[in-house]
Amino acid sequence: MQGNTISFSEVRRANRSVNLGEYSIIKDFSETVKLYSQLDEKKFSRSEPVPTLSDDEYFLVLKPKLKKEKYGDVEVMKMELKNNILNIYYKEVTNSEYISNKQKNPILILRVSGKVPLSAKLVLNKNN
């Protein structure tokens, strides 16, 4: 049985060693501000603008443990909602900037449309 395909867009990419789970669901502005304060680069005087959400949106923060690319990045191919579980299909990709800086903590923030799921599951594409 197929799930419903979910629409999403990329908001921000980062590569920081911060205390986050493999995924986080953010539903309000105060949670967004807390996340952005964790991701701020203290060496820069200006911080990244904090985005806002519409009524039928939430942010999905992904920080999967890399299995194939030691200093890689992640790319979400699609998301499906099935039985109130959001399945996130992604692949690991090479990122030359992360390789040269030896960064291995990719974080991807996505804006997702629709109802907030009960939970999420990251599914790594084995064929990349």
N, C-alpha and C. Protein backbone atom coordinates (compact mmCIF):
# COMPACT_ATOMS: atom_id res chain seq x y z
N MET A 1 0.84 -1.18 0.00
CA MET A 1 0.00 0.00 0.00
C MET A 1 0.88 1.25 0.00
N GLN A 2 0.67 2.12 -0.96
CA GLN A 2 1.43 3.36 -1.08
C GLN A 2 0.92 4.40 -0.08
N GLY A 3 1.80 5.25 0.39
CA GLY A 3 1.41 6.36 1.25
C GLY A 3 1.14 7.59 0.42
N ASN A 4 0.71 8.65 1.07
CA ASN A 4 0.50 9.93 0.39
C ASN A 4 1.82 10.66 0.27
N THR A 5 2.16 11.09 -0.96
CA THR A 5 3.39 11.85 -1.17
C THR A 5 3.23 13.23 -0.55
N ILE A 6 4.25 13.69 0.14
CA ILE A 6 4.21 14.94 0.89
C ILE A 6 5.08 15.98 0.18
N SER A 7 4.58 17.22 0.13
CA SER A 7 5.32 18.30 -0.50
C SER A 7 6.22 18.99 0.54
N PHE A 8 7.46 19.32 0.12
CA PHE A 8 8.42 19.93 1.03
C PHE A 8 9.39 20.80 0.24
N SER A 9 10.06 21.71 0.94
CA SER A 9 11.10 22.54 0.32
C SER A 9 12.24 22.73 1.32
N GLU A 10 13.42 22.93 0.79
CA GLU A 10 14.60 23.11 1.63
C GLU A 10 14.64 24.52 2.19
N VAL A 11 14.92 24.65 3.48
CA VAL A 11 15.02 25.94 4.14
C VAL A 11 16.48 26.30 4.41
N ARG A 12 17.24 25.33 4.91
CA ARG A 12 18.63 25.61 5.27
C ARG A 12 19.43 24.32 5.38
N ARG A 13 20.72 24.43 5.07
CA ARG A 13 21.67 23.35 5.29
C ARG A 13 22.74 23.87 6.24
N ALA A 14 23.21 22.98 7.08
CA ALA A 14 24.29 23.33 8.00
C ALA A 14 25.12 22.08 8.24
N ASN A 15 26.26 22.26 8.86
CA ASN A 15 27.08 21.13 9.24
C ASN A 15 27.73 21.49 10.57
N ARG A 16 27.06 21.08 11.65
CA ARG A 16 27.50 21.45 12.99
C ARG A 16 27.35 20.26 13.92
N SER A 17 28.22 20.20 14.88
CA SER A 17 28.13 19.16 15.90
C SER A 17 27.26 19.71 17.04
N VAL A 18 25.95 19.52 16.91
CA VAL A 18 25.00 19.95 17.94
C VAL A 18 24.18 18.75 18.38
N ASN A 19 23.59 18.86 19.54
CA ASN A 19 22.83 17.76 20.12
C ASN A 19 21.41 17.73 19.53
N LEU A 20 21.25 16.99 18.43
CA LEU A 20 19.95 16.79 17.79
C LEU A 20 19.79 15.31 17.49
N GLY A 21 18.56 14.86 17.48
CA GLY A 21 18.30 13.48 17.08
C GLY A 21 18.37 13.34 15.57
N GLU A 22 18.11 12.14 15.06
CA GLU A 22 18.14 11.93 13.60
C GLU A 22 17.08 12.77 12.90
N TYR A 23 15.98 13.02 13.58
CA TYR A 23 14.99 13.94 13.05
C TYR A 23 14.31 14.67 14.19
N SER A 24 13.85 15.88 13.90
CA SER A 24 13.06 16.67 14.86
C SER A 24 11.94 17.32 14.08
N ILE A 25 10.78 17.42 14.71
CA ILE A 25 9.64 18.10 14.11
C ILE A 25 9.42 19.38 14.91
N ILE A 26 9.42 20.51 14.20
CA ILE A 26 9.25 21.82 14.85
C ILE A 26 7.94 22.42 14.38
N LYS A 27 7.10 22.79 15.35
CA LYS A 27 5.75 23.26 15.02
C LYS A 27 5.49 24.72 15.34
N ASP A 28 6.38 25.37 16.09
CA ASP A 28 6.11 26.77 16.43
C ASP A 28 7.38 27.61 16.41
N PHE A 29 7.17 28.92 16.48
CA PHE A 29 8.27 29.87 16.33
C PHE A 29 9.30 29.77 17.44
N SER A 30 8.86 29.54 18.68
CA SER A 30 9.83 29.47 19.78
C SER A 30 10.78 28.28 19.61
N GLU A 31 10.26 27.15 19.11
CA GLU A 31 11.12 25.99 18.84
C GLU A 31 12.11 26.31 17.71
N THR A 32 11.64 27.08 16.71
CA THR A 32 12.49 27.47 15.58
C THR A 32 13.62 28.37 16.07
N VAL A 33 13.30 29.33 16.92
CA VAL A 33 14.32 30.24 17.47
C VAL A 33 15.36 29.45 18.26
N LYS A 34 14.91 28.49 19.05
CA LYS A 34 15.83 27.66 19.84
C LYS A 34 16.78 26.88 18.92
N LEU A 35 16.24 26.30 17.85
CA LEU A 35 17.07 25.56 16.89
C LEU A 35 18.10 26.49 16.24
N TYR A 36 17.65 27.64 15.75
CA TYR A 36 18.55 28.56 15.06
C TYR A 36 19.64 29.09 16.00
N SER A 37 19.33 29.24 17.28
CA SER A 37 20.38 29.69 18.21
C SER A 37 21.44 28.60 18.39
N GLN A 38 21.04 27.32 18.29
CA GLN A 38 22.01 26.22 18.35
C GLN A 38 22.90 26.20 17.11
N LEU A 39 22.32 26.57 15.95
CA LEU A 39 23.05 26.48 14.69
C LEU A 39 23.88 27.72 14.37
N ASP A 40 23.69 28.80 15.13
CA ASP A 40 24.41 30.05 14.86
C ASP A 40 25.91 29.86 14.91
N GLU A 41 26.58 30.47 13.95
CA GLU A 41 28.05 30.51 13.93
C GLU A 41 28.46 31.72 14.76
N LYS A 42 29.06 31.50 15.89
CA LYS A 42 29.41 32.60 16.80
C LYS A 42 30.48 33.53 16.22
N LYS A 43 31.24 33.04 15.23
CA LYS A 43 32.31 33.87 14.67
C LYS A 43 31.78 34.95 13.72
N PHE A 44 30.49 34.85 13.32
CA PHE A 44 29.89 35.86 12.45
C PHE A 44 29.02 36.79 13.28
N SER A 45 29.05 38.08 12.95
CA SER A 45 28.27 39.05 13.73
C SER A 45 26.77 38.96 13.42
N ARG A 46 26.43 38.57 12.20
CA ARG A 46 25.00 38.45 11.84
C ARG A 46 24.59 36.99 11.86
N SER A 47 23.39 36.76 12.35
CA SER A 47 22.90 35.39 12.35
C SER A 47 21.92 35.20 11.20
N GLU A 48 21.67 33.96 10.87
CA GLU A 48 20.74 33.59 9.82
C GLU A 48 19.32 34.03 10.22
N PRO A 49 18.52 34.60 9.27
CA PRO A 49 17.15 34.97 9.62
C PRO A 49 16.33 33.74 10.01
N VAL A 50 15.49 33.90 11.02
CA VAL A 50 14.66 32.79 11.50
C VAL A 50 13.36 32.77 10.70
N PRO A 51 13.08 31.67 9.99
CA PRO A 51 11.87 31.60 9.18
C PRO A 51 10.62 31.37 10.03
N THR A 52 9.47 31.71 9.47
CA THR A 52 8.19 31.49 10.15
C THR A 52 7.40 30.42 9.41
N LEU A 53 6.38 29.91 10.08
CA LEU A 53 5.54 28.85 9.52
C LEU A 53 4.13 29.36 9.27
N SER A 54 3.48 28.81 8.24
CA SER A 54 2.05 29.03 8.03
C SER A 54 1.29 28.00 8.84
N ASP A 55 -0.04 28.12 8.87
CA ASP A 55 -0.87 27.23 9.69
C ASP A 55 -0.71 25.75 9.36
N ASP A 56 -0.58 25.42 8.09
CA ASP A 56 -0.53 24.01 7.69
C ASP A 56 0.89 23.54 7.36
N GLU A 57 1.88 24.07 8.07
CA GLU A 57 3.27 23.71 7.82
C GLU A 57 3.99 23.37 9.12
N TYR A 58 5.09 22.66 8.98
CA TYR A 58 6.00 22.41 10.09
C TYR A 58 7.40 22.26 9.51
N PHE A 59 8.41 22.40 10.36
CA PHE A 59 9.78 22.18 9.93
C PHE A 59 10.20 20.77 10.34
N LEU A 60 10.92 20.14 9.44
CA LEU A 60 11.49 18.83 9.71
C LEU A 60 13.01 19.01 9.67
N VAL A 61 13.66 18.71 10.77
CA VAL A 61 15.12 18.86 10.87
C VAL A 61 15.72 17.46 10.82
N LEU A 62 16.58 17.24 9.83
CA LEU A 62 17.21 15.93 9.65
C LEU A 62 18.70 16.01 9.99
N LYS A 63 19.15 15.06 10.77
CA LYS A 63 20.59 14.95 11.08
C LYS A 63 20.94 13.46 11.16
N PRO A 64 20.85 12.78 10.00
CA PRO A 64 21.11 11.33 10.02
C PRO A 64 22.59 11.03 10.22
N LYS A 65 22.86 9.89 10.80
CA LYS A 65 24.24 9.42 10.91
C LYS A 65 24.65 8.89 9.54
N LEU A 66 25.75 9.40 9.02
CA LEU A 66 26.20 8.99 7.69
C LEU A 66 26.73 7.56 7.74
N LYS A 67 26.33 6.77 6.75
CA LYS A 67 26.74 5.36 6.70
C LYS A 67 27.73 5.09 5.58
N LYS A 68 27.64 5.86 4.47
CA LYS A 68 28.50 5.61 3.30
C LYS A 68 29.54 6.70 3.09
N GLU A 69 29.14 7.94 3.23
CA GLU A 69 30.02 9.09 2.97
C GLU A 69 30.47 9.68 4.30
N LYS A 70 31.73 9.50 4.67
CA LYS A 70 32.19 9.98 5.98
C LYS A 70 31.99 11.49 6.13
N TYR A 71 32.34 12.25 5.10
CA TYR A 71 32.18 13.70 5.13
C TYR A 71 31.16 14.11 4.08
N GLY A 72 30.04 13.43 4.03
CA GLY A 72 29.04 13.66 3.00
C GLY A 72 27.91 14.57 3.45
N ASP A 73 26.90 14.61 2.60
CA ASP A 73 25.70 15.41 2.83
C ASP A 73 24.51 14.51 2.55
N VAL A 74 23.32 15.01 2.78
CA VAL A 74 22.11 14.22 2.52
C VAL A 74 21.20 14.95 1.55
N GLU A 75 20.49 14.17 0.76
CA GLU A 75 19.52 14.71 -0.19
C GLU A 75 18.23 13.91 -0.04
N VAL A 76 17.14 14.60 0.26
CA VAL A 76 15.85 13.93 0.40
C VAL A 76 15.24 13.76 -0.98
N MET A 77 14.88 12.52 -1.30
CA MET A 77 14.30 12.22 -2.61
C MET A 77 12.79 12.38 -2.59
N LYS A 78 12.15 11.87 -1.53
CA LYS A 78 10.70 12.02 -1.39
C LYS A 78 10.30 11.71 0.04
N MET A 79 9.08 12.11 0.36
CA MET A 79 8.50 11.80 1.66
C MET A 79 7.08 11.30 1.44
N GLU A 80 6.71 10.30 2.21
CA GLU A 80 5.35 9.75 2.15
C GLU A 80 4.80 9.59 3.56
N LEU A 81 3.51 9.89 3.71
CA LEU A 81 2.83 9.69 4.98
C LEU A 81 2.01 8.42 4.88
N LYS A 82 2.30 7.47 5.77
CA LYS A 82 1.60 6.19 5.77
C LYS A 82 1.30 5.81 7.21
N ASN A 83 0.03 5.62 7.52
CA ASN A 83 -0.40 5.29 8.89
C ASN A 83 0.14 6.29 9.92
N ASN A 84 0.11 7.57 9.56
CA ASN A 84 0.54 8.68 10.41
C ASN A 84 2.04 8.64 10.75
N ILE A 85 2.81 7.91 9.93
CA ILE A 85 4.27 7.88 10.05
C ILE A 85 4.84 8.49 8.77
N LEU A 86 5.72 9.47 8.92
CA LEU A 86 6.34 10.11 7.78
C LEU A 86 7.60 9.34 7.40
N ASN A 87 7.58 8.70 6.23
CA ASN A 87 8.75 8.00 5.71
C ASN A 87 9.55 8.98 4.87
N ILE A 88 10.81 9.17 5.23
CA ILE A 88 11.69 10.12 4.55
C ILE A 88 12.74 9.32 3.80
N TYR A 89 12.65 9.34 2.48
CA TYR A 89 13.59 8.60 1.64
C TYR A 89 14.71 9.55 1.24
N TYR A 90 15.94 9.19 1.60
CA TYR A 90 17.07 10.08 1.34
C TYR A 90 18.27 9.28 0.83
N LYS A 91 19.24 10.02 0.31
CA LYS A 91 20.50 9.40 -0.09
C LYS A 91 21.65 10.26 0.42
N GLU A 92 22.79 9.62 0.59
CA GLU A 92 24.00 10.32 0.97
C GLU A 92 24.72 10.75 -0.30
N VAL A 93 25.20 11.99 -0.31
CA VAL A 93 25.89 12.53 -1.49
C VAL A 93 27.24 13.10 -1.07
N THR A 94 28.15 13.16 -2.02
CA THR A 94 29.47 13.74 -1.80
C THR A 94 29.35 15.25 -1.73
N ASN A 95 30.06 15.86 -0.81
CA ASN A 95 30.10 17.32 -0.69
C ASN A 95 31.56 17.72 -0.51
N SER A 96 32.14 18.32 -1.56
CA SER A 96 33.57 18.63 -1.53
C SER A 96 33.94 19.62 -0.43
N GLU A 97 33.04 20.55 -0.11
CA GLU A 97 33.31 21.50 0.97
C GLU A 97 33.40 20.77 2.31
N TYR A 98 32.49 19.83 2.54
CA TYR A 98 32.51 19.06 3.79
C TYR A 98 33.76 18.18 3.86
N ILE A 99 34.19 17.65 2.70
CA ILE A 99 35.40 16.82 2.68
C ILE A 99 36.62 17.66 3.05
N SER A 100 36.77 18.83 2.40
CA SER A 100 37.95 19.66 2.65
C SER A 100 37.99 20.20 4.08
N ASN A 101 36.82 20.40 4.69
CA ASN A 101 36.76 20.90 6.07
C ASN A 101 36.57 19.79 7.10
N LYS A 102 36.56 18.54 6.61
CA LYS A 102 36.36 17.36 7.48
C LYS A 102 35.12 17.49 8.37
N GLN A 103 34.02 17.93 7.75
CA GLN A 103 32.75 18.08 8.46
C GLN A 103 31.90 16.84 8.24
N LYS A 104 31.37 16.29 9.33
CA LYS A 104 30.61 15.05 9.19
C LYS A 104 29.29 15.07 9.95
N ASN A 105 28.71 16.25 10.12
CA ASN A 105 27.44 16.38 10.82
C ASN A 105 26.43 17.18 10.00
N PRO A 106 26.02 16.67 8.82
CA PRO A 106 25.10 17.44 7.99
C PRO A 106 23.73 17.57 8.66
N ILE A 107 23.18 18.77 8.56
CA ILE A 107 21.84 19.06 9.08
C ILE A 107 21.05 19.68 7.95
N LEU A 108 19.84 19.19 7.74
CA LEU A 108 18.98 19.70 6.69
C LEU A 108 17.65 20.10 7.31
N ILE A 109 17.23 21.34 7.06
CA ILE A 109 15.94 21.82 7.57
C ILE A 109 14.99 21.95 6.38
N LEU A 110 13.85 21.28 6.49
CA LEU A 110 12.85 21.28 5.43
C LEU A 110 11.55 21.89 5.94
N ARG A 111 10.87 22.63 5.06
CA ARG A 111 9.52 23.13 5.33
C ARG A 111 8.57 22.11 4.71
N VAL A 112 7.68 21.56 5.52
CA VAL A 112 6.79 20.50 5.06
C VAL A 112 5.35 20.98 5.16
N SER A 113 4.56 20.70 4.12
CA SER A 113 3.15 21.06 4.10
C SER A 113 2.31 19.89 4.59
N GLY A 114 1.27 20.19 5.36
CA GLY A 114 0.35 19.15 5.78
C GLY A 114 0.30 18.95 7.28
N LYS A 115 -0.40 17.89 7.66
CA LYS A 115 -0.62 17.53 9.06
C LYS A 115 0.68 16.98 9.67
N VAL A 116 0.94 17.35 10.90
CA VAL A 116 2.13 16.87 11.61
C VAL A 116 1.96 15.38 11.91
N PRO A 117 2.93 14.54 11.51
CA PRO A 117 2.82 13.10 11.76
C PRO A 117 3.10 12.75 13.22
N LEU A 118 2.70 11.55 13.61
CA LEU A 118 3.01 11.06 14.96
C LEU A 118 4.50 10.80 15.11
N SER A 119 5.13 10.27 14.05
CA SER A 119 6.57 10.00 14.08
C SER A 119 7.10 10.01 12.65
N ALA A 120 8.40 9.82 12.54
CA ALA A 120 9.05 9.80 11.23
C ALA A 120 10.06 8.67 11.20
N LYS A 121 10.39 8.25 9.99
CA LYS A 121 11.36 7.17 9.80
C LYS A 121 12.25 7.53 8.62
N LEU A 122 13.55 7.53 8.84
CA LEU A 122 14.49 7.81 7.76
C LEU A 122 14.82 6.51 7.04
N VAL A 123 14.71 6.55 5.70
CA VAL A 123 14.97 5.36 4.88
C VAL A 123 16.09 5.71 3.91
N LEU A 124 17.27 5.10 4.11
CA LEU A 124 18.43 5.36 3.26
C LEU A 124 18.29 4.59 1.96
N ASN A 125 18.46 5.31 0.83
CA ASN A 125 18.46 4.66 -0.48
C ASN A 125 19.77 3.90 -0.63
N LYS A 126 19.68 2.61 -0.84
CA LYS A 126 20.88 1.76 -0.93
C LYS A 126 21.58 1.88 -2.29
N ASN A 127 20.90 2.47 -3.28
CA ASN A 127 21.43 2.47 -4.65
C ASN A 127 22.08 3.78 -5.06
N ASN A 128 22.65 4.56 -4.15
CA ASN A 128 23.25 5.82 -4.60
C ASN A 128 24.70 5.74 -4.77
